PDB file of N, CA and C in Angstrom:
ATOM      1  N   UNK A   1     153.899 215.998  75.626  1.00  0.00           N
ATOM      2  CA  UNK A   1     152.679 215.284  75.340  1.00  0.00           C
ATOM      3  C   UNK A   1     152.786 213.882  75.918  1.00  0.00           C
ATOM      4  N   UNK A   2     151.697 213.345  76.359  1.00  0.00           N
ATOM      5  CA  UNK A   2     151.651 212.025  76.947  1.00  0.00           C
ATOM      6  C   UNK A   2     151.940 210.970  75.883  1.00  0.00           C
ATOM      7  N   UNK A   3     152.727 209.947  76.231  1.00  0.00           N
ATOM      8  CA  UNK A   3     153.149 208.920  75.282  1.00  0.00           C
ATOM      9  C   UNK A   3     151.971 208.201  74.619  1.00  0.00           C
ATOM     10  N   UNK A   4     150.907 207.967  75.357  1.00  0.00           N
ATOM     11  CA  UNK A   4     149.755 207.253  74.812  1.00  0.00           C
ATOM     12  C   UNK A   4     149.109 208.024  73.661  1.00  0.00           C
ATOM     13  N   UNK A   5     149.219 209.314  73.654  1.00  0.00           N
ATOM     14  CA  UNK A   5     148.631 210.130  72.595  1.00  0.00           C
ATOM     15  C   UNK A   5     149.478 210.137  71.323  1.00  0.00           C
ATOM     16  N   UNK A   6     150.718 209.683  71.431  1.00  0.00           N
ATOM     17  CA  UNK A   6     151.615 209.705  70.284  1.00  0.00           C
ATOM     18  C   UNK A   6     151.615 208.390  69.508  1.00  0.00           C
ATOM     19  N   UNK A   7     151.060 207.361  70.071  1.00  0.00           N
ATOM     20  CA  UNK A   7     151.039 206.065  69.389  1.00  0.00           C
ATOM     21  C   UNK A   7     149.876 205.998  68.413  1.00  0.00           C
ATOM     22  N   UNK A   8     150.106 205.284  67.328  1.00  0.00           N
ATOM     23  CA  UNK A   8     149.050 205.056  66.349  1.00  0.00           C
ATOM     24  C   UNK A   8     148.321 203.773  66.722  1.00  0.00           C
ATOM     25  N   UNK A   9     147.033 203.856  66.779  1.00  0.00           N
ATOM     26  CA  UNK A   9     146.223 202.690  67.078  1.00  0.00           C
ATOM     27  C   UNK A   9     145.868 201.992  65.780  1.00  0.00           C
ATOM     28  N   UNK A  10     146.096 200.701  65.738  1.00  0.00           N
ATOM     29  CA  UNK A  10     145.767 199.922  64.550  1.00  0.00           C
ATOM     30  C   UNK A  10     144.422 199.253  64.749  1.00  0.00           C
ATOM     31  N   UNK A  11     143.602 199.361  63.756  1.00  0.00           N
ATOM     32  CA  UNK A  11     142.309 198.693  63.772  1.00  0.00           C
ATOM     33  C   UNK A  11     142.354 197.629  62.699  1.00  0.00           C
ATOM     34  N   UNK A  12     142.248 196.400  63.091  1.00  0.00           N
ATOM     35  CA  UNK A  12     142.280 195.299  62.128  1.00  0.00           C
ATOM     36  C   UNK A  12     140.862 194.800  61.922  1.00  0.00           C
ATOM     37  N   UNK A  13     140.545 194.613  60.652  1.00  0.00           N
ATOM     38  CA  UNK A  13     139.224 194.104  60.311  1.00  0.00           C
ATOM     39  C   UNK A  13     139.395 192.943  59.360  1.00  0.00           C
ATOM     40  N   UNK A  14     138.344 192.199  59.174  1.00  0.00           N
ATOM     41  CA  UNK A  14     138.383 191.113  58.208  1.00  0.00           C
ATOM     42  C   UNK A  14     138.530 191.670  56.812  1.00  0.00           C
ATOM     43  N   UNK A  15     138.937 190.833  55.895  1.00  0.00           N
ATOM     44  CA  UNK A  15     139.152 191.284  54.524  1.00  0.00           C
ATOM     45  C   UNK A  15     137.820 191.610  53.868  1.00  0.00           C
ATOM     46  N   UNK A  16     137.713 192.813  53.355  1.00  0.00           N
ATOM     47  CA  UNK A  16     136.579 193.230  52.552  1.00  0.00           C
ATOM     48  C   UNK A  16     137.135 193.665  51.209  1.00  0.00           C
ATOM     49  N   UNK A  17     136.744 192.986  50.147  1.00  0.00           N
ATOM     50  CA  UNK A  17     137.310 193.367  48.847  1.00  0.00           C
ATOM     51  C   UNK A  17     136.939 194.798  48.468  1.00  0.00           C
ATOM     52  N   UNK A  18     137.897 195.488  47.907  1.00  0.00           N
ATOM     53  CA  UNK A  18     137.662 196.859  47.454  1.00  0.00           C
ATOM     54  C   UNK A  18     136.742 196.837  46.242  1.00  0.00           C
ATOM     55  N   UNK A  19     136.244 197.985  45.891  1.00  0.00           N
ATOM     56  CA  UNK A  19     135.399 198.084  44.697  1.00  0.00           C
ATOM     57  C   UNK A  19     136.190 197.654  43.465  1.00  0.00           C
ATOM     58  N   UNK A  20     137.464 198.053  43.402  1.00  0.00           N
ATOM     59  CA  UNK A  20     138.304 197.663  42.269  1.00  0.00           C
ATOM     60  C   UNK A  20     138.444 196.142  42.194  1.00  0.00           C
ATOM     61  N   UNK A  21     138.599 195.485  43.339  1.00  0.00           N
ATOM     62  CA  UNK A  21     138.717 194.019  43.355  1.00  0.00           C
ATOM     63  C   UNK A  21     137.437 193.367  42.858  1.00  0.00           C
ATOM     64  N   UNK A  22     136.303 193.912  43.246  1.00  0.00           N
ATOM     65  CA  UNK A  22     135.021 193.362  42.785  1.00  0.00           C
ATOM     66  C   UNK A  22     134.861 193.555  41.278  1.00  0.00           C
ATOM     67  N   UNK A  23     135.270 194.696  40.774  1.00  0.00           N
ATOM     68  CA  UNK A  23     135.188 194.959  39.336  1.00  0.00           C
ATOM     69  C   UNK A  23     136.099 194.002  38.576  1.00  0.00           C
ATOM     70  N   UNK A  24     137.324 193.823  39.043  1.00  0.00           N
ATOM     71  CA  UNK A  24     138.253 192.898  38.388  1.00  0.00           C
ATOM     72  C   UNK A  24     137.636 191.499  38.331  1.00  0.00           C
ATOM     73  N   UNK A  25     137.068 191.041  39.430  1.00  0.00           N
ATOM     74  CA  UNK A  25     136.473 189.701  39.465  1.00  0.00           C
ATOM     75  C   UNK A  25     135.294 189.577  38.500  1.00  0.00           C
ATOM     76  N   UNK A  26     134.449 190.587  38.460  1.00  0.00           N
ATOM     77  CA  UNK A  26     133.276 190.534  37.575  1.00  0.00           C
ATOM     78  C   UNK A  26     133.676 190.599  36.103  1.00  0.00           C
ATOM     79  N   UNK A  27     134.619 191.455  35.780  1.00  0.00           N
ATOM     80  CA  UNK A  27     135.070 191.576  34.392  1.00  0.00           C
ATOM     81  C   UNK A  27     135.799 190.303  33.976  1.00  0.00           C
ATOM     82  N   UNK A  28     136.615 189.757  34.850  1.00  0.00           N
ATOM     83  CA  UNK A  28     137.321 188.511  34.576  1.00  0.00           C
ATOM     84  C   UNK A  28     136.325 187.405  34.233  1.00  0.00           C
ATOM     85  N   UNK A  29     135.282 187.280  35.040  1.00  0.00           N
ATOM     86  CA  UNK A  29     134.258 186.252  34.807  1.00  0.00           C
ATOM     87  C   UNK A  29     133.563 186.454  33.463  1.00  0.00           C
ATOM     88  N   UNK A  30     133.247 187.690  33.133  1.00  0.00           N
ATOM     89  CA  UNK A  30     132.589 187.978  31.853  1.00  0.00           C
ATOM     90  C   UNK A  30     133.491 187.624  30.681  1.00  0.00           C
ATOM     91  N   UNK A  31     134.776 187.936  30.787  1.00  0.00           N
ATOM     92  CA  UNK A  31     135.720 187.603  29.721  1.00  0.00           C
ATOM     93  C   UNK A  31     135.836 186.087  29.549  1.00  0.00           C
ATOM     94  N   UNK A  32     135.908 185.378  30.657  1.00  0.00           N
ATOM     95  CA  UNK A  32     135.971 183.915  30.595  1.00  0.00           C
ATOM     96  C   UNK A  32     134.723 183.332  29.948  1.00  0.00           C
ATOM     97  N   UNK A  33     133.557 183.836  30.348  1.00  0.00           N
ATOM     98  CA  UNK A  33     132.297 183.339  29.794  1.00  0.00           C
ATOM     99  C   UNK A  33     132.246 183.487  28.277  1.00  0.00           C
ATOM    100  N   UNK A  34     132.840 184.543  27.769  1.00  0.00           N
ATOM    101  CA  UNK A  34     132.834 184.778  26.319  1.00  0.00           C
ATOM    102  C   UNK A  34     133.980 184.060  25.602  1.00  0.00           C
ATOM    103  N   UNK A  35     134.820 183.354  26.359  1.00  0.00           N
ATOM    104  CA  UNK A  35     135.891 182.568  25.751  1.00  0.00           C
ATOM    105  C   UNK A  35     137.186 183.316  25.502  1.00  0.00           C
ATOM    106  N   UNK A  36     137.328 184.505  26.077  1.00  0.00           N
ATOM    107  CA  UNK A  36     138.558 185.278  25.929  1.00  0.00           C
ATOM    108  C   UNK A  36     139.574 184.864  26.986  1.00  0.00           C
ATOM    109  N   UNK A  37     140.837 185.181  26.737  1.00  0.00           N
ATOM    110  CA  UNK A  37     141.894 185.021  27.733  1.00  0.00           C
ATOM    111  C   UNK A  37     141.857 186.277  28.605  1.00  0.00           C
ATOM    112  N   UNK A  38     141.310 186.183  29.815  1.00  0.00           N
ATOM    113  CA  UNK A  38     141.138 187.387  30.642  1.00  0.00           C
ATOM    114  C   UNK A  38     142.435 188.133  30.919  1.00  0.00           C
ATOM    115  N   UNK A  39     143.524 187.414  31.129  1.00  0.00           N
ATOM    116  CA  UNK A  39     144.798 188.079  31.427  1.00  0.00           C
ATOM    117  C   UNK A  39     145.239 188.912  30.231  1.00  0.00           C
ATOM    118  N   UNK A  40     145.204 188.331  29.052  1.00  0.00           N
ATOM    119  CA  UNK A  40     145.614 189.065  27.850  1.00  0.00           C
ATOM    120  C   UNK A  40     144.719 190.284  27.621  1.00  0.00           C
ATOM    121  N   UNK A  41     143.430 190.133  27.843  1.00  0.00           N
ATOM    122  CA  UNK A  41     142.506 191.242  27.618  1.00  0.00           C
ATOM    123  C   UNK A  41     142.736 192.356  28.640  1.00  0.00           C
ATOM    124  N   UNK A  42     142.962 191.993  29.902  1.00  0.00           N
ATOM    125  CA  UNK A  42     143.260 193.007  30.922  1.00  0.00           C
ATOM    126  C   UNK A  42     144.546 193.744  30.577  1.00  0.00           C
ATOM    127  N   UNK A  43     145.570 193.014  30.167  1.00  0.00           N
ATOM    128  CA  UNK A  43     146.840 193.653  29.819  1.00  0.00           C
ATOM    129  C   UNK A  43     146.633 194.636  28.666  1.00  0.00           C
ATOM    130  N   UNK A  44     145.907 194.203  27.648  1.00  0.00           N
ATOM    131  CA  UNK A  44     145.636 195.100  26.526  1.00  0.00           C
ATOM    132  C   UNK A  44     144.934 196.366  26.975  1.00  0.00           C
ATOM    133  N   UNK A  45     143.940 196.203  27.821  1.00  0.00           N
ATOM    134  CA  UNK A  45     143.199 197.372  28.314  1.00  0.00           C
ATOM    135  C   UNK A  45     144.090 198.276  29.171  1.00  0.00           C
ATOM    136  N   UNK A  46     144.819 197.684  30.088  1.00  0.00           N
ATOM    137  CA  UNK A  46     145.647 198.484  30.992  1.00  0.00           C
ATOM    138  C   UNK A  46     146.771 199.202  30.255  1.00  0.00           C
ATOM    139  N   UNK A  47     147.342 198.565  29.248  1.00  0.00           N
ATOM    140  CA  UNK A  47     148.435 199.194  28.500  1.00  0.00           C
ATOM    141  C   UNK A  47     147.945 200.297  27.571  1.00  0.00           C
ATOM    142  N   UNK A  48     146.795 200.087  26.952  1.00  0.00           N
ATOM    143  CA  UNK A  48     146.341 201.023  25.923  1.00  0.00           C
ATOM    144  C   UNK A  48     145.262 201.995  26.386  1.00  0.00           C
ATOM    145  N   UNK A  49     144.474 201.569  27.370  1.00  0.00           N
ATOM    146  CA  UNK A  49     143.327 202.378  27.779  1.00  0.00           C
ATOM    147  C   UNK A  49     142.130 202.184  26.863  1.00  0.00           C
ATOM    148  N   UNK A  50     142.260 201.302  25.884  1.00  0.00           N
ATOM    149  CA  UNK A  50     141.195 201.060  24.920  1.00  0.00           C
ATOM    150  C   UNK A  50     140.168 200.082  25.508  1.00  0.00           C
ATOM    151  N   UNK A  51     138.959 200.550  25.774  1.00  0.00           N
ATOM    152  CA  UNK A  51     137.956 199.690  26.414  1.00  0.00           C
ATOM    153  C   UNK A  51     137.457 198.551  25.534  1.00  0.00           C
ATOM    154  N   UNK A  52     137.789 198.573  24.230  1.00  0.00           N
ATOM    155  CA  UNK A  52     137.326 197.485  23.369  1.00  0.00           C
ATOM    156  C   UNK A  52     138.049 196.167  23.663  1.00  0.00           C
ATOM    157  N   UNK A  53     139.094 196.205  24.478  1.00  0.00           N
ATOM    158  CA  UNK A  53     139.719 194.964  24.938  1.00  0.00           C
ATOM    159  C   UNK A  53     138.806 194.206  25.896  1.00  0.00           C
ATOM    160  N   UNK A  54     137.833 194.892  26.447  1.00  0.00           N
ATOM    161  CA  UNK A  54     136.918 194.307  27.424  1.00  0.00           C
ATOM    162  C   UNK A  54     135.566 194.073  26.762  1.00  0.00           C
ATOM    163  N   UNK A  55     135.032 192.878  26.945  1.00  0.00           N
ATOM    164  CA  UNK A  55     133.745 192.539  26.365  1.00  0.00           C
ATOM    165  C   UNK A  55     132.627 193.407  26.956  1.00  0.00           C
ATOM    166  N   UNK A  56     131.599 193.590  26.162  1.00  0.00           N
ATOM    167  CA  UNK A  56     130.421 194.298  26.681  1.00  0.00           C
ATOM    168  C   UNK A  56     129.461 193.329  27.374  1.00  0.00           C
ATOM    169  N   UNK A  57     129.768 192.030  27.293  1.00  0.00           N
ATOM    170  CA  UNK A  57     128.968 190.998  27.959  1.00  0.00           C
ATOM    171  C   UNK A  57     128.871 191.302  29.456  1.00  0.00           C
ATOM    172  N   UNK A  58     127.678 191.184  29.986  1.00  0.00           N
ATOM    173  CA  UNK A  58     127.401 191.452  31.406  1.00  0.00           C
ATOM    174  C   UNK A  58     127.818 192.875  31.825  1.00  0.00           C
ATOM    175  N   UNK A  59     127.784 193.798  30.870  1.00  0.00           N
ATOM    176  CA  UNK A  59     128.129 195.207  31.140  1.00  0.00           C
ATOM    177  C   UNK A  59     129.565 195.383  31.630  1.00  0.00           C
ATOM    178  N   UNK A  60     130.441 194.433  31.280  1.00  0.00           N
ATOM    179  CA  UNK A  60     131.821 194.473  31.771  1.00  0.00           C
ATOM    180  C   UNK A  60     132.574 195.715  31.295  1.00  0.00           C
ATOM    181  N   UNK A  61     132.346 196.120  30.048  1.00  0.00           N
ATOM    182  CA  UNK A  61     133.055 197.288  29.518  1.00  0.00           C
ATOM    183  C   UNK A  61     132.647 198.551  30.270  1.00  0.00           C
ATOM    184  N   UNK A  62     131.375 198.686  30.532  1.00  0.00           N
ATOM    185  CA  UNK A  62     130.894 199.848  31.291  1.00  0.00           C
ATOM    186  C   UNK A  62     131.439 199.804  32.716  1.00  0.00           C
ATOM    187  N   UNK A  63     131.430 198.620  33.298  1.00  0.00           N
ATOM    188  CA  UNK A  63     131.876 198.454  34.683  1.00  0.00           C
ATOM    189  C   UNK A  63     133.353 198.801  34.848  1.00  0.00           C
ATOM    190  N   UNK A  64     134.188 198.308  33.936  1.00  0.00           N
ATOM    191  CA  UNK A  64     135.627 198.543  34.098  1.00  0.00           C
ATOM    192  C   UNK A  64     135.975 200.023  33.966  1.00  0.00           C
ATOM    193  N   UNK A  65     135.178 200.759  33.209  1.00  0.00           N
ATOM    194  CA  UNK A  65     135.457 202.188  33.032  1.00  0.00           C
ATOM    195  C   UNK A  65     135.075 203.012  34.250  1.00  0.00           C
ATOM    196  N   UNK A  66     134.466 202.392  35.268  1.00  0.00           N
ATOM    197  CA  UNK A  66     134.141 203.114  36.499  1.00  0.00           C
ATOM    198  C   UNK A  66     135.326 203.184  37.465  1.00  0.00           C
ATOM    199  N   UNK A  67     136.392 202.458  37.125  1.00  0.00           N
ATOM    200  CA  UNK A  67     137.594 202.426  37.969  1.00  0.00           C
ATOM    201  C   UNK A  67     138.766 202.938  37.132  1.00  0.00           C
ATOM    202  N   UNK A  68     139.547 203.829  37.696  1.00  0.00           N
ATOM    203  CA  UNK A  68     140.728 204.341  37.001  1.00  0.00           C
ATOM    204  C   UNK A  68     141.737 203.208  36.778  1.00  0.00           C
ATOM    205  N   UNK A  69     142.459 203.257  35.662  1.00  0.00           N
ATOM    206  CA  UNK A  69     143.423 202.197  35.358  1.00  0.00           C
ATOM    207  C   UNK A  69     144.504 202.071  36.416  1.00  0.00           C
ATOM    208  N   UNK A  70     144.961 203.181  36.988  1.00  0.00           N
ATOM    209  CA  UNK A  70     145.991 203.084  38.030  1.00  0.00           C
ATOM    210  C   UNK A  70     145.450 202.382  39.269  1.00  0.00           C
ATOM    211  N   UNK A  71     144.177 202.567  39.559  1.00  0.00           N
ATOM    212  CA  UNK A  71     143.561 201.877  40.689  1.00  0.00           C
ATOM    213  C   UNK A  71     143.448 200.373  40.401  1.00  0.00           C
ATOM    214  N   UNK A  72     143.120 200.021  39.158  1.00  0.00           N
ATOM    215  CA  UNK A  72     143.068 198.607  38.776  1.00  0.00           C
ATOM    216  C   UNK A  72     144.451 197.971  38.905  1.00  0.00           C
ATOM    217  N   UNK A  73     145.481 198.669  38.430  1.00  0.00           N
ATOM    218  CA  UNK A  73     146.846 198.152  38.558  1.00  0.00           C
ATOM    219  C   UNK A  73     147.235 197.972  40.015  1.00  0.00           C
ATOM    220  N   UNK A  74     146.899 198.935  40.846  1.00  0.00           N
ATOM    221  CA  UNK A  74     147.195 198.832  42.279  1.00  0.00           C
ATOM    222  C   UNK A  74     146.524 197.609  42.879  1.00  0.00           C
ATOM    223  N   UNK A  75     145.285 197.388  42.521  1.00  0.00           N
ATOM    224  CA  UNK A  75     144.549 196.233  43.038  1.00  0.00           C
ATOM    225  C   UNK A  75     145.176 194.927  42.586  1.00  0.00           C
ATOM    226  N   UNK A  76     145.585 194.859  41.327  1.00  0.00           N
ATOM    227  CA  UNK A  76     146.212 193.646  40.814  1.00  0.00           C
ATOM    228  C   UNK A  76     147.545 193.368  41.510  1.00  0.00           C
ATOM    229  N   UNK A  77     148.349 194.396  41.720  1.00  0.00           N
ATOM    230  CA  UNK A  77     149.620 194.220  42.418  1.00  0.00           C
ATOM    231  C   UNK A  77     149.373 193.813  43.870  1.00  0.00           C
ATOM    232  N   UNK A  78     148.427 194.468  44.519  1.00  0.00           N
ATOM    233  CA  UNK A  78     148.086 194.141  45.908  1.00  0.00           C
ATOM    234  C   UNK A  78     147.652 192.666  46.008  1.00  0.00           C
ATOM    235  N   UNK A  79     146.820 192.226  45.079  1.00  0.00           N
ATOM    236  CA  UNK A  79     146.374 190.835  45.079  1.00  0.00           C
ATOM    237  C   UNK A  79     147.516 189.863  44.849  1.00  0.00           C
ATOM    238  N   UNK A  80     148.415 190.218  43.954  1.00  0.00           N
ATOM    239  CA  UNK A  80     149.575 189.371  43.679  1.00  0.00           C
ATOM    240  C   UNK A  80     150.456 189.241  44.926  1.00  0.00           C
ATOM    241  N   UNK A  81     150.763 190.363  45.545  1.00  0.00           N
ATOM    242  CA  UNK A  81     151.609 190.350  46.748  1.00  0.00           C
ATOM    243  C   UNK A  81     150.934 189.547  47.859  1.00  0.00           C
ATOM    244  N   UNK A  82     149.656 189.750  48.048  1.00  0.00           N
ATOM    245  CA  UNK A  82     148.903 189.007  49.071  1.00  0.00           C
ATOM    246  C   UNK A  82     148.982 187.503  48.803  1.00  0.00           C
ATOM    247  N   UNK A  83     148.797 187.096  47.554  1.00  0.00           N
ATOM    248  CA  UNK A  83     148.857 185.676  47.197  1.00  0.00           C
ATOM    249  C   UNK A  83     150.255 185.106  47.415  1.00  0.00           C
ATOM    250  N   UNK A  84     151.284 185.878  47.067  1.00  0.00           N
ATOM    251  CA  UNK A  84     152.667 185.411  47.267  1.00  0.00           C
ATOM    252  C   UNK A  84     152.974 185.224  48.746  1.00  0.00           C
ATOM    253  N   UNK A  85     152.543 186.166  49.558  1.00  0.00           N
ATOM    254  CA  UNK A  85     152.778 186.045  51.006  1.00  0.00           C
ATOM    255  C   UNK A  85     152.056 184.841  51.580  1.00  0.00           C
ATOM    256  N   UNK A  86     150.830 184.619  51.142  1.00  0.00           N
ATOM    257  CA  UNK A  86     150.060 183.473  51.627  1.00  0.00           C
ATOM    258  C   UNK A  86     150.736 182.171  51.195  1.00  0.00           C
ATOM    259  N   UNK A  87     151.235 182.139  49.966  1.00  0.00           N
ATOM    260  CA  UNK A  87     151.916 180.951  49.463  1.00  0.00           C
ATOM    261  C   UNK A  87     153.193 180.693  50.252  1.00  0.00           C
ATOM    262  N   UNK A  88     153.939 181.740  50.534  1.00  0.00           N
ATOM    263  CA  UNK A  88     155.203 181.588  51.282  1.00  0.00           C
ATOM    264  C   UNK A  88     154.958 181.096  52.702  1.00  0.00           C
ATOM    265  N   UNK A  89     153.834 181.466  53.288  1.00  0.00           N
ATOM    266  CA  UNK A  89     153.528 180.997  54.652  1.00  0.00           C
ATOM    267  C   UNK A  89     153.128 179.540  54.663  1.00  0.00           C
ATOM    268  N   UNK A  90     152.483 179.080  53.595  1.00  0.00           N
ATOM    269  CA  UNK A  90     151.989 177.704  53.578  1.00  0.00           C
ATOM    270  C   UNK A  90     152.887 176.745  52.825  1.00  0.00           C
ATOM    271  N   UNK A  91     153.728 177.255  51.969  1.00  0.00           N
ATOM    272  CA  UNK A  91     154.497 176.349  51.123  1.00  0.00           C
ATOM    273  C   UNK A  91     155.926 176.501  51.273  1.00  0.00           C
TER     274      UNK A  91
END
């Protein structure tokens, strides 16, 4: 087979937040607006699966249930790693 056919072509695009990232941002904002500690509430939800950790304000509870918890965890880890790499490049 020709060598050119064996290489993987990479397509780079600008950053487009995933649906999970958008949900995390919207739920985070709703939790903050209601005066909750968003990190603590997310941890409670992710550990237990109990949606009552998430406020119903701005439909946040309904919204968060549209994304699987493992997908939310993946998004949070991806965001953390991305932030650490960016920090290491600049700092």
